[in-house]
Amino acid sequence: MKFISILTTTFFFMTNAFGASLKGTADALGSEARNIGLALGVFALVVAGIFLALGKQEGGQKVTSAVMGILVILTAGTLITTLRSVAGGA
């Protein structure tokens, strides 16, 4: 019985530490995902520019799609922060 009480006490004290490290990991993952998304967006913009320079018919559409994708990636952080503040989250 004493072992169970020690185990539960340890669990309750360690839960905050696990939560903090999990939040830090999620924040780091979000930051890296944003960087990867921007890199892919720039690559897509370069490919779309090549299509446009070669005179391909869908070049303009590809440039527009690449620019819109980059704008979505850049504004995602602001949108999430705004929605959290409106919803009353932390």
PDB file of N, CA and C in Angstrom:
ATOM      1  N   MET A   1       0.821  -1.189   0.000  1.00  0.00           N
ATOM      2  CA  MET A   1       0.000   0.000   0.000  1.00  0.00           C
ATOM      3  C   MET A   1       0.866   1.255   0.000  1.00  0.00           C
ATOM      4  N   LYS A   2       1.970   1.186   0.746  1.00  0.00           N
ATOM      5  CA  LYS A   2       2.867   2.330   0.804  1.00  0.00           C
ATOM      6  C   LYS A   2       3.476   2.608  -0.571  1.00  0.00           C
ATOM      7  N   PHE A   3       3.782   1.556  -1.316  1.00  0.00           N
ATOM      8  CA  PHE A   3       4.346   1.708  -2.659  1.00  0.00           C
ATOM      9  C   PHE A   3       3.378   2.442  -3.583  1.00  0.00           C
ATOM     10  N   ILE A   4       2.100   2.121  -3.493  1.00  0.00           N
ATOM     11  CA  ILE A   4       1.097   2.759  -4.346  1.00  0.00           C
ATOM     12  C   ILE A   4       0.973   4.239  -4.014  1.00  0.00           C
ATOM     13  N   SER A   5       1.012   4.580  -2.737  1.00  0.00           N
ATOM     14  CA  SER A   5       0.913   5.994  -2.370  1.00  0.00           C
ATOM     15  C   SER A   5       2.146   6.770  -2.833  1.00  0.00           C
ATOM     16  N   ILE A   6       3.324   6.155  -2.743  1.00  0.00           N
ATOM     17  CA  ILE A   6       4.542   6.803  -3.250  1.00  0.00           C
ATOM     18  C   ILE A   6       4.459   6.970  -4.758  1.00  0.00           C
ATOM     19  N   LEU A   7       3.953   5.956  -5.437  1.00  0.00           N
ATOM     20  CA  LEU A   7       3.826   6.011  -6.891  1.00  0.00           C
ATOM     21  C   LEU A   7       2.851   7.092  -7.330  1.00  0.00           C
ATOM     22  N   THR A   8       1.703   7.184  -6.680  1.00  0.00           N
ATOM     23  CA  THR A   8       0.725   8.210  -7.064  1.00  0.00           C
ATOM     24  C   THR A   8       1.236   9.607  -6.732  1.00  0.00           C
ATOM     25  N   THR A   9       1.918   9.763  -5.592  1.00  0.00           N
ATOM     26  CA  THR A   9       2.491  11.068  -5.246  1.00  0.00           C
ATOM     27  C   THR A   9       3.532  11.487  -6.278  1.00  0.00           C
ATOM     28  N   THR A  10       4.381  10.576  -6.666  1.00  0.00           N
ATOM     29  CA  THR A  10       5.387  10.861  -7.691  1.00  0.00           C
ATOM     30  C   THR A  10       4.725  11.227  -9.008  1.00  0.00           C
ATOM     31  N   PHE A  11       3.672  10.520  -9.359  1.00  0.00           N
ATOM     32  CA  PHE A  11       2.973  10.811 -10.612  1.00  0.00           C
ATOM     33  C   PHE A  11       2.402  12.224 -10.609  1.00  0.00           C
ATOM     34  N   PHE A  12       1.755  12.626  -9.501  1.00  0.00           N
ATOM     35  CA  PHE A  12       1.140  13.949  -9.451  1.00  0.00           C
ATOM     36  C   PHE A  12       2.181  15.066  -9.461  1.00  0.00           C
ATOM     37  N   PHE A  13       3.341  14.832  -8.862  1.00  0.00           N
ATOM     38  CA  PHE A  13       4.377  15.854  -8.896  1.00  0.00           C
ATOM     39  C   PHE A  13       5.065  15.914 -10.258  1.00  0.00           C
ATOM     40  N   MET A  14       5.151  14.813 -10.954  1.00  0.00           N
ATOM     41  CA  MET A  14       5.854  14.759 -12.240  1.00  0.00           C
ATOM     42  C   MET A  14       4.955  15.135 -13.415  1.00  0.00           C
ATOM     43  N   THR A  15       3.647  15.173 -13.230  1.00  0.00           N
ATOM     44  CA  THR A  15       2.731  15.480 -14.329  1.00  0.00           C
ATOM     45  C   THR A  15       3.006  16.860 -14.908  1.00  0.00           C
ATOM     46  N   ASN A  16       3.274  17.854 -14.052  1.00  0.00           N
ATOM     47  CA  ASN A  16       3.557  19.199 -14.545  1.00  0.00           C
ATOM     48  C   ASN A  16       4.838  19.235 -15.364  1.00  0.00           C
ATOM     49  N   ALA A  17       5.847  18.494 -14.955  1.00  0.00           N
ATOM     50  CA  ALA A  17       7.097  18.464 -15.700  1.00  0.00           C
ATOM     51  C   ALA A  17       6.882  17.826 -17.075  1.00  0.00           C
ATOM     52  N   PHE A  18       6.101  16.756 -17.125  1.00  0.00           N
ATOM     53  CA  PHE A  18       5.828  16.127 -18.414  1.00  0.00           C
ATOM     54  C   PHE A  18       5.031  17.058 -19.315  1.00  0.00           C
ATOM     55  N   GLY A  19       4.065  17.766 -18.739  1.00  0.00           N
ATOM     56  CA  GLY A  19       3.249  18.693 -19.518  1.00  0.00           C
ATOM     57  C   GLY A  19       4.076  19.828 -20.085  1.00  0.00           C
ATOM     58  N   ALA A  20       5.006  20.356 -19.297  1.00  0.00           N
ATOM     59  CA  ALA A  20       5.838  21.466 -19.752  1.00  0.00           C
ATOM     60  C   ALA A  20       6.752  21.010 -20.882  1.00  0.00           C
ATOM     61  N   SER A  21       7.338  19.829 -20.765  1.00  0.00           N
ATOM     62  CA  SER A  21       8.232  19.366 -21.817  1.00  0.00           C
ATOM     63  C   SER A  21       7.444  19.015 -23.073  1.00  0.00           C
ATOM     64  N   LEU A  22       6.227  18.536 -22.913  1.00  0.00           N
ATOM     65  CA  LEU A  22       5.394  18.217 -24.073  1.00  0.00           C
ATOM     66  C   LEU A  22       4.992  19.488 -24.810  1.00  0.00           C
ATOM     67  N   LYS A  23       4.670  20.539 -24.064  1.00  0.00           N
ATOM     68  CA  LYS A  23       4.319  21.814 -24.698  1.00  0.00           C
ATOM     69  C   LYS A  23       5.525  22.392 -25.431  1.00  0.00           C
ATOM     70  N   GLY A  24       6.696  22.312 -24.815  1.00  0.00           N
ATOM     71  CA  GLY A  24       7.913  22.800 -25.468  1.00  0.00           C
ATOM     72  C   GLY A  24       8.213  22.030 -26.741  1.00  0.00           C
ATOM     73  N   THR A  25       8.001  20.724 -26.693  1.00  0.00           N
ATOM     74  CA  THR A  25       8.219  19.898 -27.879  1.00  0.00           C
ATOM     75  C   THR A  25       7.233  20.256 -28.976  1.00  0.00           C
ATOM     76  N   ALA A  26       5.973  20.481 -28.619  1.00  0.00           N
ATOM     77  CA  ALA A  26       4.967  20.854 -29.617  1.00  0.00           C
ATOM     78  C   ALA A  26       5.273  22.215 -30.229  1.00  0.00           C
ATOM     79  N   ASP A  27       5.732  23.169 -29.412  1.00  0.00           N
ATOM     80  CA  ASP A  27       6.089  24.487 -29.933  1.00  0.00           C
ATOM     81  C   ASP A  27       7.275  24.404 -30.889  1.00  0.00           C
ATOM     82  N   ALA A  28       8.270  23.602 -30.528  1.00  0.00           N
ATOM     83  CA  ALA A  28       9.435  23.434 -31.400  1.00  0.00           C
ATOM     84  C   ALA A  28       9.036  22.759 -32.711  1.00  0.00           C
ATOM     85  N   LEU A  29       8.153  21.784 -32.627  1.00  0.00           N
ATOM     86  CA  LEU A  29       7.690  21.098 -33.831  1.00  0.00           C
ATOM     87  C   LEU A  29       6.926  22.057 -34.732  1.00  0.00           C
ATOM     88  N   GLY A  30       6.101  22.918 -34.146  1.00  0.00           N
ATOM     89  CA  GLY A  30       5.367  23.903 -34.931  1.00  0.00           C
ATOM     90  C   GLY A  30       6.289  24.881 -35.625  1.00  0.00           C
ATOM     91  N   SER A  31       7.333  25.298 -34.939  1.00  0.00           N
ATOM     92  CA  SER A  31       8.300  26.220 -35.530  1.00  0.00           C
ATOM     93  C   SER A  31       9.036  25.560 -36.694  1.00  0.00           C
ATOM     94  N   GLU A  32       9.448  24.330 -36.504  1.00  0.00           N
ATOM     95  CA  GLU A  32      10.146  23.619 -37.574  1.00  0.00           C
ATOM     96  C   GLU A  32       9.223  23.346 -38.758  1.00  0.00           C
ATOM     97  N   ALA A  33       7.972  23.036 -38.486  1.00  0.00           N
ATOM     98  CA  ALA A  33       7.015  22.795 -39.571  1.00  0.00           C
ATOM     99  C   ALA A  33       6.817  24.063 -40.395  1.00  0.00           C
ATOM    100  N   ARG A  34       6.800  25.211 -39.716  1.00  0.00           N
ATOM    101  CA  ARG A  34       6.670  26.490 -40.429  1.00  0.00           C
ATOM    102  C   ARG A  34       7.882  26.717 -41.330  1.00  0.00           C
ATOM    103  N   ASN A  35       9.073  26.439 -40.819  1.00  0.00           N
ATOM    104  CA  ASN A  35      10.287  26.623 -41.617  1.00  0.00           C
ATOM    105  C   ASN A  35      10.310  25.697 -42.826  1.00  0.00           C
ATOM    106  N   ILE A  36       9.900  24.462 -42.630  1.00  0.00           N
ATOM    107  CA  ILE A  36       9.854  23.507 -43.742  1.00  0.00           C
ATOM    108  C   ILE A  36       8.808  23.942 -44.757  1.00  0.00           C
ATOM    109  N   GLY A  37       7.665  24.420 -44.276  1.00  0.00           N
ATOM    110  CA  GLY A  37       6.620  24.899 -45.175  1.00  0.00           C
ATOM    111  C   GLY A  37       7.078  26.079 -46.007  1.00  0.00           C
ATOM    112  N   LEU A  38       7.804  27.005 -45.378  1.00  0.00           N
ATOM    113  CA  LEU A  38       8.331  28.149 -46.135  1.00  0.00           C
ATOM    114  C   LEU A  38       9.347  27.711 -47.177  1.00  0.00           C
ATOM    115  N   ALA A  39      10.206  26.768 -46.815  1.00  0.00           N
ATOM    116  CA  ALA A  39      11.199  26.272 -47.778  1.00  0.00           C
ATOM    117  C   ALA A  39      10.508  25.608 -48.967  1.00  0.00           C
ATOM    118  N   LEU A  40       9.488  24.803 -48.692  1.00  0.00           N
ATOM    119  CA  LEU A  40       8.754  24.162 -49.786  1.00  0.00           C
ATOM    120  C   LEU A  40       7.995  25.185 -50.624  1.00  0.00           C
ATOM    121  N   GLY A  41       7.488  26.233 -49.986  1.00  0.00           N
ATOM    122  CA  GLY A  41       6.787  27.285 -50.709  1.00  0.00           C
ATOM    123  C   GLY A  41       7.700  28.043 -51.653  1.00  0.00           C
ATOM    124  N   VAL A  42       8.904  28.349 -51.183  1.00  0.00           N
ATOM    125  CA  VAL A  42       9.878  29.032 -52.044  1.00  0.00           C
ATOM    126  C   VAL A  42      10.285  28.120 -53.193  1.00  0.00           C
ATOM    127  N   PHE A  43      10.477  26.835 -52.912  1.00  0.00           N
ATOM    128  CA  PHE A  43      10.813  25.885 -53.980  1.00  0.00           C
ATOM    129  C   PHE A  43       9.684  25.815 -55.016  1.00  0.00           C
ATOM    130  N   ALA A  44       8.440  25.788 -54.542  1.00  0.00           N
ATOM    131  CA  ALA A  44       7.301  25.763 -55.463  1.00  0.00           C
ATOM    132  C   ALA A  44       7.241  27.042 -56.290  1.00  0.00           C
ATOM    133  N   LEU A  45       7.594  28.166 -55.684  1.00  0.00           N
ATOM    134  CA  LEU A  45       7.607  29.433 -56.413  1.00  0.00           C
ATOM    135  C   LEU A  45       8.683  29.437 -57.492  1.00  0.00           C
ATOM    136  N   VAL A  46       9.824  28.846 -57.205  1.00  0.00           N
ATOM    137  CA  VAL A  46      10.894  28.745 -58.206  1.00  0.00           C
ATOM    138  C   VAL A  46      10.452  27.855 -59.365  1.00  0.00           C
ATOM    139  N   VAL A  47       9.857  26.719 -59.039  1.00  0.00           N
ATOM    140  CA  VAL A  47       9.377  25.817 -60.095  1.00  0.00           C
ATOM    141  C   VAL A  47       8.297  26.496 -60.926  1.00  0.00           C
ATOM    142  N   ALA A  48       7.395  27.211 -60.272  1.00  0.00           N
ATOM    143  CA  ALA A  48       6.335  27.921 -60.994  1.00  0.00           C
ATOM    144  C   ALA A  48       6.922  29.013 -61.883  1.00  0.00           C
ATOM    145  N   GLY A  49       7.960  29.699 -61.392  1.00  0.00           N
ATOM    146  CA  GLY A  49       8.637  30.712 -62.217  1.00  0.00           C
ATOM    147  C   GLY A  49       9.289  30.108 -63.441  1.00  0.00           C
ATOM    148  N   ILE A  50       9.851  28.931 -63.298  1.00  0.00           N
ATOM    149  CA  ILE A  50      10.444  28.235 -64.444  1.00  0.00           C
ATOM    150  C   ILE A  50       9.365  27.877 -65.457  1.00  0.00           C
ATOM    151  N   PHE A  51       8.226  27.378 -64.961  1.00  0.00           N
ATOM    152  CA  PHE A  51       7.107  27.074 -65.860  1.00  0.00           C
ATOM    153  C   PHE A  51       6.667  28.323 -66.604  1.00  0.00           C
ATOM    154  N   LEU A  52       6.603  29.443 -65.895  1.00  0.00           N
ATOM    155  CA  LEU A  52       6.179  30.700 -66.501  1.00  0.00           C
ATOM    156  C   LEU A  52       7.202  31.176 -67.532  1.00  0.00           C
ATOM    157  N   ALA A  53       8.492  31.038 -67.210  1.00  0.00           N
ATOM    158  CA  ALA A  53       9.543  31.464 -68.137  1.00  0.00           C
ATOM    159  C   ALA A  53       9.583  30.602 -69.397  1.00  0.00           C
ATOM    160  N   LEU A  54       9.238  29.337 -69.257  1.00  0.00           N
ATOM    161  CA  LEU A  54       9.220  28.441 -70.413  1.00  0.00           C
ATOM    162  C   LEU A  54       7.973  28.627 -71.268  1.00  0.00           C
ATOM    163  N   GLY A  55       7.038  29.427 -70.797  1.00  0.00           N
ATOM    164  CA  GLY A  55       5.826  29.687 -71.568  1.00  0.00           C
ATOM    165  C   GLY A  55       4.773  28.609 -71.443  1.00  0.00           C
ATOM    166  N   LYS A  56       4.864  27.816 -70.381  1.00  0.00           N
ATOM    167  CA  LYS A  56       3.846  26.780 -70.167  1.00  0.00           C
ATOM    168  C   LYS A  56       2.514  27.443 -69.833  1.00  0.00           C
ATOM    169  N   GLN A  57       1.439  26.824 -70.251  1.00  0.00           N
ATOM    170  CA  GLN A  57       0.117  27.411 -70.085  1.00  0.00           C
ATOM    171  C   GLN A  57      -0.304  27.530 -68.612  1.00  0.00           C
ATOM    172  N   GLU A  58       0.071  26.569 -67.797  1.00  0.00           N
ATOM    173  CA  GLU A  58      -0.348  26.579 -66.394  1.00  0.00           C
ATOM    174  C   GLU A  58       0.646  27.321 -65.498  1.00  0.00           C
ATOM    175  N   GLY A  59       1.621  28.022 -66.051  1.00  0.00           N
ATOM    176  CA  GLY A  59       2.634  28.731 -65.258  1.00  0.00           C
ATOM    177  C   GLY A  59       2.041  29.793 -64.354  1.00  0.00           C
ATOM    178  N   GLY A  60       1.148  30.607 -64.868  1.00  0.00           N
ATOM    179  CA  GLY A  60       0.527  31.662 -64.066  1.00  0.00           C
ATOM    180  C   GLY A  60      -0.274  31.114 -62.908  1.00  0.00           C
ATOM    181  N   GLN A  61      -0.997  30.028 -63.171  1.00  0.00           N
ATOM    182  CA  GLN A  61      -1.787  29.403 -62.107  1.00  0.00           C
ATOM    183  C   GLN A  61      -0.875  28.837 -61.021  1.00  0.00           C
ATOM    184  N   LYS A  62       0.255  28.264 -61.417  1.00  0.00           N
ATOM    185  CA  LYS A  62       1.196  27.705 -60.440  1.00  0.00           C
ATOM    186  C   LYS A  62       1.828  28.807 -59.592  1.00  0.00           C
ATOM    187  N   VAL A  63       2.152  29.944 -60.218  1.00  0.00           N
ATOM    188  CA  VAL A  63       2.712  31.061 -59.451  1.00  0.00           C
ATOM    189  C   VAL A  63       1.695  31.563 -58.426  1.00  0.00           C
ATOM    190  N   THR A  64       0.459  31.714 -58.865  1.00  0.00           N
ATOM    191  CA  THR A  64      -0.593  32.172 -57.958  1.00  0.00           C
ATOM    192  C   THR A  64      -0.782  31.199 -56.796  1.00  0.00           C
ATOM    193  N   SER A  65      -0.797  29.918 -57.093  1.00  0.00           N
ATOM    194  CA  SER A  65      -0.963  28.916 -56.032  1.00  0.00           C
ATOM    195  C   SER A  65       0.211  28.930 -55.060  1.00  0.00           C
ATOM    196  N   ALA A  66       1.430  29.085 -55.574  1.00  0.00           N
ATOM    197  CA  ALA A  66       2.612  29.112 -54.708  1.00  0.00           C
ATOM    198  C   ALA A  66       2.592  30.341 -53.806  1.00  0.00           C
ATOM    199  N   VAL A  67       2.234  31.495 -54.359  1.00  0.00           N
ATOM    200  CA  VAL A  67       2.185  32.720 -53.556  1.00  0.00           C
ATOM    201  C   VAL A  67       1.095  32.612 -52.493  1.00  0.00           C
ATOM    202  N   MET A  68      -0.057  32.079 -52.845  1.00  0.00           N
ATOM    203  CA  MET A  68      -1.135  31.909 -51.865  1.00  0.00           C
ATOM    204  C   MET A  68      -0.721  30.940 -50.757  1.00  0.00           C
ATOM    205  N   GLY A  69      -0.027  29.879 -51.116  1.00  0.00           N
ATOM    206  CA  GLY A  69       0.456  28.926 -50.115  1.00  0.00           C
ATOM    207  C   GLY A  69       1.437  29.562 -49.149  1.00  0.00           C
ATOM    208  N   ILE A  70       2.346  30.379 -49.671  1.00  0.00           N
ATOM    209  CA  ILE A  70       3.313  31.069 -48.814  1.00  0.00           C
ATOM    210  C   ILE A  70       2.593  32.049 -47.889  1.00  0.00           C
ATOM    211  N   LEU A  71       1.604  32.754 -48.408  1.00  0.00           N
ATOM    212  CA  LEU A  71       0.847  33.695 -47.567  1.00  0.00           C
ATOM    213  C   LEU A  71       0.105  32.979 -46.447  1.00  0.00           C
ATOM    214  N   VAL A  72      -0.454  31.822 -46.747  1.00  0.00           N
ATOM    215  CA  VAL A  72      -1.154  31.045 -45.714  1.00  0.00           C
ATOM    216  C   VAL A  72      -0.173  30.601 -44.628  1.00  0.00           C
ATOM    217  N   ILE A  73       1.009  30.164 -45.029  1.00  0.00           N
ATOM    218  CA  ILE A  73       2.003  29.721 -44.053  1.00  0.00           C
ATOM    219  C   ILE A  73       2.460  30.889 -43.185  1.00  0.00           C
ATOM    220  N   LEU A  74       2.654  32.058 -43.799  1.00  0.00           N
ATOM    221  CA  LEU A  74       3.120  33.218 -43.038  1.00  0.00           C
ATOM    222  C   LEU A  74       2.061  33.749 -42.070  1.00  0.00           C
ATOM    223  N   THR A  75       0.797  33.670 -42.444  1.00  0.00           N
ATOM    224  CA  THR A  75      -0.258  34.209 -41.588  1.00  0.00           C
ATOM    225  C   THR A  75      -0.829  33.178 -40.612  1.00  0.00           C
ATOM    226  N   ALA A  76      -0.421  31.929 -40.709  1.00  0.00           N
ATOM    227  CA  ALA A  76      -0.991  30.889 -39.843  1.00  0.00           C
ATOM    228  C   ALA A  76      -0.739  31.173 -38.367  1.00  0.00           C
ATOM    229  N   GLY A  77       0.463  31.578 -38.007  1.00  0.00           N
ATOM    230  CA  GLY A  77       0.771  31.858 -36.606  1.00  0.00           C
ATOM    231  C   GLY A  77      -0.078  32.979 -36.039  1.00  0.00           C
ATOM    232  N   THR A  78      -0.260  34.041 -36.827  1.00  0.00           N
ATOM    233  CA  THR A  78      -1.079  35.158 -36.393  1.00  0.00           C
ATOM    234  C   THR A  78      -2.541  34.746 -36.251  1.00  0.00           C
ATOM    235  N   LEU A  79      -3.018  33.953 -37.192  1.00  0.00           N
ATOM    236  CA  LEU A  79      -4.401  33.490 -37.116  1.00  0.00           C
ATOM    237  C   LEU A  79      -4.644  32.624 -35.889  1.00  0.00           C
ATOM    238  N   ILE A  80      -3.718  31.742 -35.595  1.00  0.00           N
ATOM    239  CA  ILE A  80      -3.877  30.861 -34.437  1.00  0.00           C
ATOM    240  C   ILE A  80      -3.862  31.669 -33.142  1.00  0.00           C
ATOM    241  N   THR A  81      -2.946  32.639 -33.053  1.00  0.00           N
ATOM    242  CA  THR A  81      -2.884  33.487 -31.863  1.00  0.00           C
ATOM    243  C   THR A  81      -4.169  34.286 -31.689  1.00  0.00           C
ATOM    244  N   THR A  82      -4.685  34.832 -32.780  1.00  0.00           N
ATOM    245  CA  THR A  82      -5.917  35.615 -32.726  1.00  0.00           C
ATOM    246  C   THR A  82      -7.089  34.748 -32.299  1.00  0.00           C
ATOM    247  N   LEU A  83      -7.211  33.561 -32.868  1.00  0.00           N
ATOM    248  CA  LEU A  83      -8.302  32.664 -32.500  1.00  0.00           C
ATOM    249  C   LEU A  83      -8.220  32.223 -31.056  1.00  0.00           C
ATOM    250  N   ARG A  84      -7.001  31.995 -30.550  1.00  0.00           N
ATOM    251  CA  ARG A  84      -6.844  31.620 -29.152  1.00  0.00           C
ATOM    252  C   ARG A  84      -7.270  32.748 -28.230  1.00  0.00           C
ATOM    253  N   SER A  85      -6.916  33.984 -28.582  1.00  0.00           N
ATOM    254  CA  SER A  85      -7.287  35.107 -27.720  1.00  0.00           C
ATOM    255  C   SER A  85      -8.785  35.356 -27.757  1.00  0.00           C
ATOM    256  N   VAL A  86      -9.416  35.157 -28.909  1.00  0.00           N
ATOM    257  CA  VAL A  86     -10.863  35.339 -29.014  1.00  0.00           C
ATOM    258  C   VAL A  86     -11.587  34.256 -28.219  1.00  0.00           C
ATOM    259  N   ALA A  87     -11.072  33.036 -28.276  1.00  0.00           N
ATOM    260  CA  ALA A  87     -11.704  31.917 -27.574  1.00  0.00           C
ATOM    261  C   ALA A  87     -11.413  31.939 -26.073  1.00  0.00           C
ATOM    262  N   GLY A  88     -10.492  32.790 -25.636  1.00  0.00           N
ATOM    263  CA  GLY A  88     -10.175  32.866 -24.221  1.00  0.00           C
ATOM    264  C   GLY A  88      -9.134  31.868 -23.781  1.00  0.00           C
ATOM    265  N   GLY A  89      -8.403  31.291 -24.727  1.00  0.00           N
ATOM    266  CA  GLY A  89      -7.358  30.329 -24.385  1.00  0.00           C
ATOM    267  C   GLY A  89      -6.087  31.030 -23.962  1.00  0.00           C
ATOM    268  N   ALA A  90      -5.157  30.232 -23.495  1.00  0.00           N
ATOM    269  CA  ALA A  90      -3.896  30.801 -23.001  1.00  0.00           C
ATOM    270  C   ALA A  90      -2.973  31.163 -24.100  1.00  0.00           C
TER     271      ALA A  90
END
